[in-house]
Amino acid sequence: MIDPSWIAALGVILFGIGLLGTFYHKNAIVVLMCIELMLNAANLNFVAAASHYGDVDGWVFTAIAIAIAAAEVAIGLAILLSLYSTQGTISLDAARELSN
C-alpha cells in the first residue's frame, strides 16, 4: 500500500499546478479546469488523511465535495455560455467589461 504522505504530497503538487493555472491563463474554460484540479487535489488529501487515520470522515467530505463540484461546473458553464452569447468570446478580459 502507498504511504498516505506520498498521496498528500501529490495532492499538494496538483493543487499548486491548479493554482498556477488559474493565475496565468486567460481562457475561462482552462481556468475552470484548473479550479476543478484544485478541488480534486483537496479531495485527494481528504482521502489520504482518512486512510492514514483509519477514519471515514475524509471519505464523507470527499463525497460532499464531489457534489459541490458538479454544481460548480454547471453554474460555471452557464455563466460562460451567457458570456459567450453577450460578448462572443470566453476570454476573462471580456468578463471584466461586464462589471462596468
PDB file of N, CA and C in Angstrom:
ATOM      1  N   MET A   1       0.840  -1.184   0.000  1.00  0.00           N
ATOM      2  CA  MET A   1       0.000   0.000   0.000  1.00  0.00           C
ATOM      3  C   MET A   1       0.886   1.248   0.000  1.00  0.00           C
ATOM      4  N   ILE A   2       0.404   2.264  -0.671  1.00  0.00           N
ATOM      5  CA  ILE A   2       1.160   3.512  -0.773  1.00  0.00           C
ATOM      6  C   ILE A   2       1.019   4.301   0.524  1.00  0.00           C
ATOM      7  N   ASP A   3       2.117   4.872   0.960  1.00  0.00           N
ATOM      8  CA  ASP A   3       2.115   5.678   2.178  1.00  0.00           C
ATOM      9  C   ASP A   3       1.250   6.926   1.977  1.00  0.00           C
ATOM     10  N   PRO A   4       0.359   7.253   2.918  1.00  0.00           N
ATOM     11  CA  PRO A   4      -0.509   8.428   2.758  1.00  0.00           C
ATOM     12  C   PRO A   4       0.242   9.750   2.627  1.00  0.00           C
ATOM     13  N   SER A   5       1.467   9.819   3.142  1.00  0.00           N
ATOM     14  CA  SER A   5       2.221  11.072   2.993  1.00  0.00           C
ATOM     15  C   SER A   5       2.591  11.320   1.531  1.00  0.00           C
ATOM     16  N   TRP A   6       2.825  10.251   0.758  1.00  0.00           N
ATOM     17  CA  TRP A   6       3.093  10.417  -0.672  1.00  0.00           C
ATOM     18  C   TRP A   6       1.840  10.883  -1.401  1.00  0.00           C
ATOM     19  N   ILE A   7       0.710  10.367  -0.992  1.00  0.00           N
ATOM     20  CA  ILE A   7      -0.555  10.783  -1.611  1.00  0.00           C
ATOM     21  C   ILE A   7      -0.842  12.246  -1.284  1.00  0.00           C
ATOM     22  N   ALA A   8      -0.582  12.642  -0.034  1.00  0.00           N
ATOM     23  CA  ALA A   8      -0.787  14.038   0.355  1.00  0.00           C
ATOM     24  C   ALA A   8       0.172  14.965  -0.400  1.00  0.00           C
ATOM     25  N   ALA A   9       1.397  14.509  -0.614  1.00  0.00           N
ATOM     26  CA  ALA A   9       2.358  15.315  -1.380  1.00  0.00           C
ATOM     27  C   ALA A   9       1.893  15.475  -2.823  1.00  0.00           C
ATOM     28  N   LEU A  10       1.359  14.417  -3.408  1.00  0.00           N
ATOM     29  CA  LEU A  10       0.803  14.511  -4.756  1.00  0.00           C
ATOM     30  C   LEU A  10      -0.363  15.496  -4.793  1.00  0.00           C
ATOM     31  N   GLY A  11      -1.202  15.483  -3.757  1.00  0.00           N
ATOM     32  CA  GLY A  11      -2.310  16.435  -3.679  1.00  0.00           C
ATOM     33  C   GLY A  11      -1.829  17.873  -3.616  1.00  0.00           C
ATOM     34  N   VAL A  12      -0.759  18.113  -2.868  1.00  0.00           N
ATOM     35  CA  VAL A  12      -0.207  19.465  -2.762  1.00  0.00           C
ATOM     36  C   VAL A  12       0.369  19.915  -4.104  1.00  0.00           C
ATOM     37  N   ILE A  13       1.044  19.007  -4.792  1.00  0.00           N
ATOM     38  CA  ILE A  13       1.608  19.350  -6.102  1.00  0.00           C
ATOM     39  C   ILE A  13       0.496  19.663  -7.100  1.00  0.00           C
ATOM     40  N   LEU A  14      -0.551  18.837  -7.122  1.00  0.00           N
ATOM     41  CA  LEU A  14      -1.670  19.084  -8.027  1.00  0.00           C
ATOM     42  C   LEU A  14      -2.387  20.393  -7.697  1.00  0.00           C
ATOM     43  N   PHE A  15      -2.510  20.704  -6.413  1.00  0.00           N
ATOM     44  CA  PHE A  15      -3.128  21.967  -6.020  1.00  0.00           C
ATOM     45  C   PHE A  15      -2.288  23.146  -6.507  1.00  0.00           C
ATOM     46  N   GLY A  16      -0.974  23.036  -6.400  1.00  0.00           N
ATOM     47  CA  GLY A  16      -0.091  24.105  -6.870  1.00  0.00           C
ATOM     48  C   GLY A  16      -0.181  24.295  -8.375  1.00  0.00           C
ATOM     49  N   ILE A  17      -0.270  23.199  -9.126  1.00  0.00           N
ATOM     50  CA  ILE A  17      -0.420  23.299 -10.577  1.00  0.00           C
ATOM     51  C   ILE A  17      -1.737  23.988 -10.925  1.00  0.00           C
ATOM     52  N   GLY A  18      -2.806  23.623 -10.223  1.00  0.00           N
ATOM     53  CA  GLY A  18      -4.094  24.268 -10.472  1.00  0.00           C
ATOM     54  C   GLY A  18      -4.083  25.741 -10.111  1.00  0.00           C
ATOM     55  N   LEU A  19      -3.405  26.082  -9.028  1.00  0.00           N
ATOM     56  CA  LEU A  19      -3.318  27.480  -8.609  1.00  0.00           C
ATOM     57  C   LEU A  19      -2.539  28.314  -9.622  1.00  0.00           C
ATOM     58  N   LEU A  20      -1.435  27.786 -10.107  1.00  0.00           N
ATOM     59  CA  LEU A  20      -0.674  28.497 -11.129  1.00  0.00           C
ATOM     60  C   LEU A  20      -1.483  28.647 -12.412  1.00  0.00           C
ATOM     61  N   GLY A  21      -2.249  27.622 -12.752  1.00  0.00           N
ATOM     62  CA  GLY A  21      -3.084  27.687 -13.951  1.00  0.00           C
ATOM     63  C   GLY A  21      -4.156  28.750 -13.859  1.00  0.00           C
ATOM     64  N   THR A  22      -4.728  28.933 -12.681  1.00  0.00           N
ATOM     65  CA  THR A  22      -5.754  29.972 -12.545  1.00  0.00           C
ATOM     66  C   THR A  22      -5.156  31.372 -12.624  1.00  0.00           C
ATOM     67  N   PHE A  23      -3.903  31.519 -12.215  1.00  0.00           N
ATOM     68  CA  PHE A  23      -3.280  32.839 -12.253  1.00  0.00           C
ATOM     69  C   PHE A  23      -2.789  33.225 -13.644  1.00  0.00           C
ATOM     70  N   TYR A  24      -2.365  32.250 -14.442  1.00  0.00           N
ATOM     71  CA  TYR A  24      -1.681  32.572 -15.682  1.00  0.00           C
ATOM     72  C   TYR A  24      -2.485  32.398 -16.958  1.00  0.00           C
ATOM     73  N   HIS A  25      -3.661  31.850 -16.896  1.00  0.00           N
ATOM     74  CA  HIS A  25      -4.433  31.629 -18.114  1.00  0.00           C
ATOM     75  C   HIS A  25      -5.566  32.640 -18.233  1.00  0.00           C
ATOM     76  N   LYS A  26      -5.865  33.021 -19.469  1.00  0.00           N
ATOM     77  CA  LYS A  26      -6.936  33.980 -19.743  1.00  0.00           C
ATOM     78  C   LYS A  26      -8.219  33.302 -20.206  1.00  0.00           C
ATOM     79  N   ASN A  27      -8.101  32.058 -20.690  1.00  0.00           N
ATOM     80  CA  ASN A  27      -9.264  31.352 -21.185  1.00  0.00           C
ATOM     81  C   ASN A  27     -10.097  30.837 -20.008  1.00  0.00           C
ATOM     82  N   ALA A  28     -11.381  31.118 -20.024  1.00  0.00           N
ATOM     83  CA  ALA A  28     -12.239  30.775 -18.895  1.00  0.00           C
ATOM     84  C   ALA A  28     -12.410  29.272 -18.733  1.00  0.00           C
ATOM     85  N   ILE A  29     -12.400  28.522 -19.821  1.00  0.00           N
ATOM     86  CA  ILE A  29     -12.526  27.065 -19.732  1.00  0.00           C
ATOM     87  C   ILE A  29     -11.305  26.469 -19.030  1.00  0.00           C
ATOM     88  N   VAL A  30     -10.131  26.962 -19.362  1.00  0.00           N
ATOM     89  CA  VAL A  30      -8.904  26.466 -18.733  1.00  0.00           C
ATOM     90  C   VAL A  30      -8.897  26.833 -17.249  1.00  0.00           C
ATOM     91  N   VAL A  31      -9.338  28.020 -16.917  1.00  0.00           N
ATOM     92  CA  VAL A  31      -9.400  28.434 -15.514  1.00  0.00           C
ATOM     93  C   VAL A  31     -10.380  27.555 -14.743  1.00  0.00           C
ATOM     94  N   LEU A  32     -11.513  27.238 -15.354  1.00  0.00           N
ATOM     95  CA  LEU A  32     -12.486  26.361 -14.710  1.00  0.00           C
ATOM     96  C   LEU A  32     -11.905  24.962 -14.498  1.00  0.00           C
ATOM     97  N   MET A  33     -11.140  24.474 -15.461  1.00  0.00           N
ATOM     98  CA  MET A  33     -10.489  23.166 -15.305  1.00  0.00           C
ATOM     99  C   MET A  33      -9.435  23.198 -14.207  1.00  0.00           C
ATOM    100  N   CYS A  34      -8.730  24.304 -14.071  1.00  0.00           N
ATOM    101  CA  CYS A  34      -7.723  24.426 -13.020  1.00  0.00           C
ATOM    102  C   CYS A  34      -8.369  24.479 -11.640  1.00  0.00           C
ATOM    103  N   ILE A  35      -9.514  25.116 -11.546  1.00  0.00           N
ATOM    104  CA  ILE A  35     -10.247  25.138 -10.275  1.00  0.00           C
ATOM    105  C   ILE A  35     -10.705  23.730  -9.914  1.00  0.00           C
ATOM    106  N   GLU A  36     -11.152  22.973 -10.902  1.00  0.00           N
ATOM    107  CA  GLU A  36     -11.534  21.582 -10.663  1.00  0.00           C
ATOM    108  C   GLU A  36     -10.330  20.750 -10.232  1.00  0.00           C
ATOM    109  N   LEU A  37      -9.160  21.031 -10.809  1.00  0.00           N
ATOM    110  CA  LEU A  37      -7.957  20.324 -10.406  1.00  0.00           C
ATOM    111  C   LEU A  37      -7.620  20.610  -8.943  1.00  0.00           C
ATOM    112  N   MET A  38      -7.783  21.858  -8.524  1.00  0.00           N
ATOM    113  CA  MET A  38      -7.530  22.201  -7.123  1.00  0.00           C
ATOM    114  C   MET A  38      -8.527  21.509  -6.196  1.00  0.00           C
ATOM    115  N   LEU A  39      -9.776  21.436  -6.614  1.00  0.00           N
ATOM    116  CA  LEU A  39     -10.789  20.770  -5.794  1.00  0.00           C
ATOM    117  C   LEU A  39     -10.500  19.271  -5.677  1.00  0.00           C
ATOM    118  N   ASN A  40     -10.080  18.660  -6.771  1.00  0.00           N
ATOM    119  CA  ASN A  40      -9.750  17.236  -6.724  1.00  0.00           C
ATOM    120  C   ASN A  40      -8.472  16.973  -5.925  1.00  0.00           C
ATOM    121  N   ALA A  41      -7.550  17.920  -5.915  1.00  0.00           N
ATOM    122  CA  ALA A  41      -6.358  17.779  -5.076  1.00  0.00           C
ATOM    123  C   ALA A  41      -6.741  17.814  -3.597  1.00  0.00           C
ATOM    124  N   ALA A  42      -7.687  18.678  -3.251  1.00  0.00           N
ATOM    125  CA  ALA A  42      -8.174  18.707  -1.870  1.00  0.00           C
ATOM    126  C   ALA A  42      -8.879  17.394  -1.523  1.00  0.00           C
ATOM    127  N   ASN A  43      -9.636  16.851  -2.469  1.00  0.00           N
ATOM    128  CA  ASN A  43     -10.281  15.551  -2.242  1.00  0.00           C
ATOM    129  C   ASN A  43      -9.245  14.458  -2.026  1.00  0.00           C
ATOM    130  N   LEU A  44      -8.164  14.510  -2.783  1.00  0.00           N
ATOM    131  CA  LEU A  44      -7.095  13.528  -2.626  1.00  0.00           C
ATOM    132  C   LEU A  44      -6.477  13.624  -1.236  1.00  0.00           C
ATOM    133  N   ASN A  45      -6.321  14.821  -0.729  1.00  0.00           N
ATOM    134  CA  ASN A  45      -5.782  14.984   0.624  1.00  0.00           C
ATOM    135  C   ASN A  45      -6.769  14.518   1.687  1.00  0.00           C
ATOM    136  N   PHE A  46      -8.066  14.718   1.456  1.00  0.00           N
ATOM    137  CA  PHE A  46      -9.066  14.169   2.382  1.00  0.00           C
ATOM    138  C   PHE A  46      -8.978  12.644   2.443  1.00  0.00           C
ATOM    139  N   VAL A  47      -8.846  12.026   1.281  1.00  0.00           N
ATOM    140  CA  VAL A  47      -8.766  10.568   1.228  1.00  0.00           C
ATOM    141  C   VAL A  47      -7.467  10.078   1.860  1.00  0.00           C
ATOM    142  N   ALA A  48      -6.371  10.790   1.649  1.00  0.00           N
ATOM    143  CA  ALA A  48      -5.096  10.404   2.267  1.00  0.00           C
ATOM    144  C   ALA A  48      -5.187  10.496   3.789  1.00  0.00           C
ATOM    145  N   ALA A  49      -5.828  11.531   4.295  1.00  0.00           N
ATOM    146  CA  ALA A  49      -5.981  11.664   5.745  1.00  0.00           C
ATOM    147  C   ALA A  49      -6.900  10.576   6.297  1.00  0.00           C
ATOM    148  N   ALA A  50      -7.956  10.253   5.563  1.00  0.00           N
ATOM    149  CA  ALA A  50      -8.849   9.190   6.007  1.00  0.00           C
ATOM    150  C   ALA A  50      -8.131   7.850   6.032  1.00  0.00           C
ATOM    151  N   SER A  51      -7.275   7.617   5.057  1.00  0.00           N
ATOM    152  CA  SER A  51      -6.509   6.377   5.012  1.00  0.00           C
ATOM    153  C   SER A  51      -5.479   6.327   6.137  1.00  0.00           C
ATOM    154  N   HIS A  52      -4.874   7.453   6.428  1.00  0.00           N
ATOM    155  CA  HIS A  52      -3.841   7.498   7.471  1.00  0.00           C
ATOM    156  C   HIS A  52      -4.442   7.276   8.863  1.00  0.00           C
ATOM    157  N   TYR A  53      -5.553   7.943   9.136  1.00  0.00           N
ATOM    158  CA  TYR A  53      -6.151   7.855  10.461  1.00  0.00           C
ATOM    159  C   TYR A  53      -7.165   6.723  10.595  1.00  0.00           C
ATOM    160  N   GLY A  54      -7.498   6.062   9.495  1.00  0.00           N
ATOM    161  CA  GLY A  54      -8.459   4.971   9.556  1.00  0.00           C
ATOM    162  C   GLY A  54      -9.867   5.436   9.885  1.00  0.00           C
ATOM    163  N   ASP A  55     -10.207   6.638   9.440  1.00  0.00           N
ATOM    164  CA  ASP A  55     -11.500   7.236   9.739  1.00  0.00           C
ATOM    165  C   ASP A  55     -12.296   7.391   8.448  1.00  0.00           C
ATOM    166  N   VAL A  56     -13.596   7.487   8.576  1.00  0.00           N
ATOM    167  CA  VAL A  56     -14.471   7.589   7.407  1.00  0.00           C
ATOM    168  C   VAL A  56     -14.765   9.047   7.056  1.00  0.00           C
ATOM    169  N   ASP A  57     -14.441   9.975   7.916  1.00  0.00           N
ATOM    170  CA  ASP A  57     -14.802  11.375   7.701  1.00  0.00           C
ATOM    171  C   ASP A  57     -14.208  11.948   6.413  1.00  0.00           C
ATOM    172  N   GLY A  58     -12.997  11.568   6.068  1.00  0.00           N
ATOM    173  CA  GLY A  58     -12.385  12.058   4.829  1.00  0.00           C
ATOM    174  C   GLY A  58     -13.149  11.627   3.598  1.00  0.00           C
ATOM    175  N   TRP A  59     -13.673  10.407   3.630  1.00  0.00           N
ATOM    176  CA  TRP A  59     -14.471   9.913   2.507  1.00  0.00           C
ATOM    177  C   TRP A  59     -15.796  10.666   2.406  1.00  0.00           C
ATOM    178  N   VAL A  60     -16.386  11.006   3.556  1.00  0.00           N
ATOM    179  CA  VAL A  60     -17.643  11.763   3.556  1.00  0.00           C
ATOM    180  C   VAL A  60     -17.418  13.171   3.015  1.00  0.00           C
ATOM    181  N   PHE A  61     -16.344  13.815   3.459  1.00  0.00           N
ATOM    182  CA  PHE A  61     -16.025  15.148   2.944  1.00  0.00           C
ATOM    183  C   PHE A  61     -15.766  15.112   1.438  1.00  0.00           C
ATOM    184  N   THR A  62     -15.128  14.047   0.965  1.00  0.00           N
ATOM    185  CA  THR A  62     -14.858  13.912  -0.464  1.00  0.00           C
ATOM    186  C   THR A  62     -16.155  13.756  -1.253  1.00  0.00           C
ATOM    187  N   ALA A  63     -17.076  12.970  -0.744  1.00  0.00           N
ATOM    188  CA  ALA A  63     -18.369  12.797  -1.429  1.00  0.00           C
ATOM    189  C   ALA A  63     -19.132  14.115  -1.497  1.00  0.00           C
ATOM    190  N   ILE A  64     -19.099  14.885  -0.424  1.00  0.00           N
ATOM    191  CA  ILE A  64     -19.771  16.194  -0.417  1.00  0.00           C
ATOM    192  C   ILE A  64     -19.073  17.141  -1.393  1.00  0.00           C
ATOM    193  N   ALA A  65     -17.754  17.119  -1.426  1.00  0.00           N
ATOM    194  CA  ALA A  65     -17.011  17.999  -2.331  1.00  0.00           C
ATOM    195  C   ALA A  65     -17.264  17.648  -3.790  1.00  0.00           C
ATOM    196  N   ILE A  66     -17.437  16.369  -4.100  1.00  0.00           N
ATOM    197  CA  ILE A  66     -17.750  15.979  -5.472  1.00  0.00           C
ATOM    198  C   ILE A  66     -19.126  16.503  -5.870  1.00  0.00           C
ATOM    199  N   ALA A  67     -20.085  16.455  -4.954  1.00  0.00           N
ATOM    200  CA  ALA A  67     -21.417  17.002  -5.245  1.00  0.00           C
ATOM    201  C   ALA A  67     -21.352  18.516  -5.461  1.00  0.00           C
ATOM    202  N   ILE A  68     -20.558  19.193  -4.659  1.00  0.00           N
ATOM    203  CA  ILE A  68     -20.396  20.639  -4.824  1.00  0.00           C
ATOM    204  C   ILE A  68     -19.695  20.947  -6.147  1.00  0.00           C
ATOM    205  N   ALA A  69     -18.735  20.117  -6.539  1.00  0.00           N
ATOM    206  CA  ALA A  69     -18.025  20.323  -7.804  1.00  0.00           C
ATOM    207  C   ALA A  69     -18.966  20.197  -8.988  1.00  0.00           C
ATOM    208  N   ALA A  70     -19.908  19.271  -8.917  1.00  0.00           N
ATOM    209  CA  ALA A  70     -20.870  19.126 -10.010  1.00  0.00           C
ATOM    210  C   ALA A  70     -21.732  20.374 -10.143  1.00  0.00           C
ATOM    211  N   ALA A  71     -22.166  20.923  -9.021  1.00  0.00           N
ATOM    212  CA  ALA A  71     -22.957  22.154  -9.062  1.00  0.00           C
ATOM    213  C   ALA A  71     -22.114  23.328  -9.555  1.00  0.00           C
ATOM    214  N   GLU A  72     -20.850  23.367  -9.150  1.00  0.00           N
ATOM    215  CA  GLU A  72     -19.973  24.457  -9.564  1.00  0.00           C
ATOM    216  C   GLU A  72     -19.729  24.433 -11.068  1.00  0.00           C
ATOM    217  N   VAL A  73     -19.559  23.257 -11.619  1.00  0.00           N
ATOM    218  CA  VAL A  73     -19.345  23.148 -13.060  1.00  0.00           C
ATOM    219  C   VAL A  73     -20.598  23.575 -13.820  1.00  0.00           C
ATOM    220  N   ALA A  74     -21.759  23.175 -13.344  1.00  0.00           N
ATOM    221  CA  ALA A  74     -22.998  23.551 -14.022  1.00  0.00           C
ATOM    222  C   ALA A  74     -23.192  25.070 -14.012  1.00  0.00           C
ATOM    223  N   ILE A  75     -22.950  25.694 -12.891  1.00  0.00           N
ATOM    224  CA  ILE A  75     -23.105  27.147 -12.791  1.00  0.00           C
ATOM    225  C   ILE A  75     -22.022  27.858 -13.609  1.00  0.00           C
ATOM    226  N   GLY A  76     -20.789  27.351 -13.540  1.00  0.00           N
ATOM    227  CA  GLY A  76     -19.701  27.962 -14.305  1.00  0.00           C
ATOM    228  C   GLY A  76     -19.929  27.899 -15.803  1.00  0.00           C
ATOM    229  N   LEU A  77     -20.413  26.760 -16.282  1.00  0.00           N
ATOM    230  CA  LEU A  77     -20.681  26.657 -17.715  1.00  0.00           C
ATOM    231  C   LEU A  77     -21.857  27.538 -18.136  1.00  0.00           C
ATOM    232  N   ALA A  78     -22.852  27.682 -17.267  1.00  0.00           N
ATOM    233  CA  ALA A  78     -23.961  28.586 -17.579  1.00  0.00           C
ATOM    234  C   ALA A  78     -23.473  30.028 -17.678  1.00  0.00           C
ATOM    235  N   ILE A  79     -22.587  30.415 -16.797  1.00  0.00           N
ATOM    236  CA  ILE A  79     -22.019  31.767 -16.853  1.00  0.00           C
ATOM    237  C   ILE A  79     -21.195  31.948 -18.124  1.00  0.00           C
ATOM    238  N   LEU A  80     -20.421  30.929 -18.494  1.00  0.00           N
ATOM    239  CA  LEU A  80     -19.613  31.020 -19.707  1.00  0.00           C
ATOM    240  C   LEU A  80     -20.484  31.084 -20.958  1.00  0.00           C
ATOM    241  N   LEU A  81     -21.577  30.342 -20.993  1.00  0.00           N
ATOM    242  CA  LEU A  81     -22.488  30.424 -22.128  1.00  0.00           C
ATOM    243  C   LEU A  81     -23.125  31.806 -22.219  1.00  0.00           C
ATOM    244  N   SER A  82     -23.470  32.376 -21.082  1.00  0.00           N
ATOM    245  CA  SER A  82     -24.014  33.726 -21.072  1.00  0.00           C
ATOM    246  C   SER A  82     -22.975  34.748 -21.541  1.00  0.00           C
ATOM    247  N   LEU A  83     -21.743  34.568 -21.102  1.00  0.00           N
ATOM    248  CA  LEU A  83     -20.665  35.456 -21.539  1.00  0.00           C
ATOM    249  C   LEU A  83     -20.441  35.339 -23.036  1.00  0.00           C
ATOM    250  N   TYR A  84     -20.476  34.120 -23.551  1.00  0.00           N
ATOM    251  CA  TYR A  84     -20.259  33.930 -24.977  1.00  0.00           C
ATOM    252  C   TYR A  84     -21.410  34.514 -25.803  1.00  0.00           C
ATOM    253  N   SER A  85     -22.626  34.417 -25.290  1.00  0.00           N
ATOM    254  CA  SER A  85     -23.755  34.957 -26.059  1.00  0.00           C
ATOM    255  C   SER A  85     -23.767  36.484 -26.062  1.00  0.00           C
ATOM    256  N   THR A  86     -23.238  37.123 -25.018  1.00  0.00           N
ATOM    257  CA  THR A  86     -23.235  38.586 -24.984  1.00  0.00           C
ATOM    258  C   THR A  86     -21.974  39.190 -25.594  1.00  0.00           C
ATOM    259  N   GLN A  87     -20.819  38.548 -25.373  1.00  0.00           N
ATOM    260  CA  GLN A  87     -19.539  39.123 -25.821  1.00  0.00           C
ATOM    261  C   GLN A  87     -18.961  38.444 -27.062  1.00  0.00           C
ATOM    262  N   GLY A  88     -19.375  37.207 -27.343  1.00  0.00           N
ATOM    263  CA  GLY A  88     -18.830  36.488 -28.476  1.00  0.00           C
ATOM    264  C   GLY A  88     -17.483  35.843 -28.198  1.00  0.00           C
ATOM    265  N   THR A  89     -17.036  35.840 -26.952  1.00  0.00           N
ATOM    266  CA  THR A  89     -15.770  35.234 -26.560  1.00  0.00           C
ATOM    267  C   THR A  89     -15.888  34.742 -25.120  1.00  0.00           C
ATOM    268  N   ILE A  90     -14.981  33.838 -24.751  1.00  0.00           N
ATOM    269  CA  ILE A  90     -14.961  33.381 -23.360  1.00  0.00           C
ATOM    270  C   ILE A  90     -13.684  33.826 -22.653  1.00  0.00           C
ATOM    271  N   SER A  91     -13.056  34.842 -23.171  1.00  0.00           N
ATOM    272  CA  SER A  91     -11.866  35.397 -22.537  1.00  0.00           C
ATOM    273  C   SER A  91     -12.257  36.095 -21.241  1.00  0.00           C
ATOM    274  N   LEU A  92     -11.421  35.948 -20.238  1.00  0.00           N
ATOM    275  CA  LEU A  92     -11.728  36.573 -18.952  1.00  0.00           C
ATOM    276  C   LEU A  92     -11.595  38.092 -19.003  1.00  0.00           C
ATOM    277  N   ASP A  93     -10.872  38.617 -19.986  1.00  0.00           N
ATOM    278  CA  ASP A  93     -10.810  40.067 -20.164  1.00  0.00           C
ATOM    279  C   ASP A  93     -12.175  40.607 -20.536  1.00  0.00           C
ATOM    280  N   ALA A  94     -12.942  39.862 -21.318  1.00  0.00           N
ATOM    281  CA  ALA A  94     -14.294  40.283 -21.685  1.00  0.00           C
ATOM    282  C   ALA A  94     -15.232  40.227 -20.486  1.00  0.00           C
ATOM    283  N   ALA A  95     -14.966  39.334 -19.569  1.00  0.00           N
ATOM    284  CA  ALA A  95     -15.802  39.238 -18.357  1.00  0.00           C
ATOM    285  C   ALA A  95     -15.612  40.454 -17.469  1.00  0.00           C
ATOM    286  N   ARG A  96     -14.431  41.030 -17.488  1.00  0.00           N
ATOM    287  CA  ARG A  96     -14.189  42.246 -16.701  1.00  0.00           C
ATOM    288  C   ARG A  96     -15.028  43.418 -17.217  1.00  0.00           C
ATOM    289  N   GLU A  97     -15.283  43.428 -18.516  1.00  0.00           N
ATOM    290  CA  GLU A  97     -16.073  44.501 -19.107  1.00  0.00           C
ATOM    291  C   GLU A  97     -17.534  44.429 -18.709  1.00  0.00           C
ATOM    292  N   LEU A  98     -18.015  43.260 -18.290  1.00  0.00           N
ATOM    293  CA  LEU A  98     -19.412  43.111 -17.896  1.00  0.00           C
ATOM    294  C   LEU A  98     -19.717  43.850 -16.589  1.00  0.00           C
ATOM    295  N   SER A  99     -18.706  44.014 -15.745  1.00  0.00           N
ATOM    296  CA  SER A  99     -18.945  44.642 -14.440  1.00  0.00           C
ATOM    297  C   SER A  99     -19.042  46.156 -14.538  1.00  0.00           C
ATOM    298  N   ASN A 100     -18.630  46.747 -15.642  1.00  0.00           N
ATOM    299  CA  ASN A 100     -18.672  48.203 -15.796  1.00  0.00           C
ATOM    300  C   ASN A 100     -20.051  48.684 -16.206  1.00  0.00           C
TER     301      ASN A 100
END
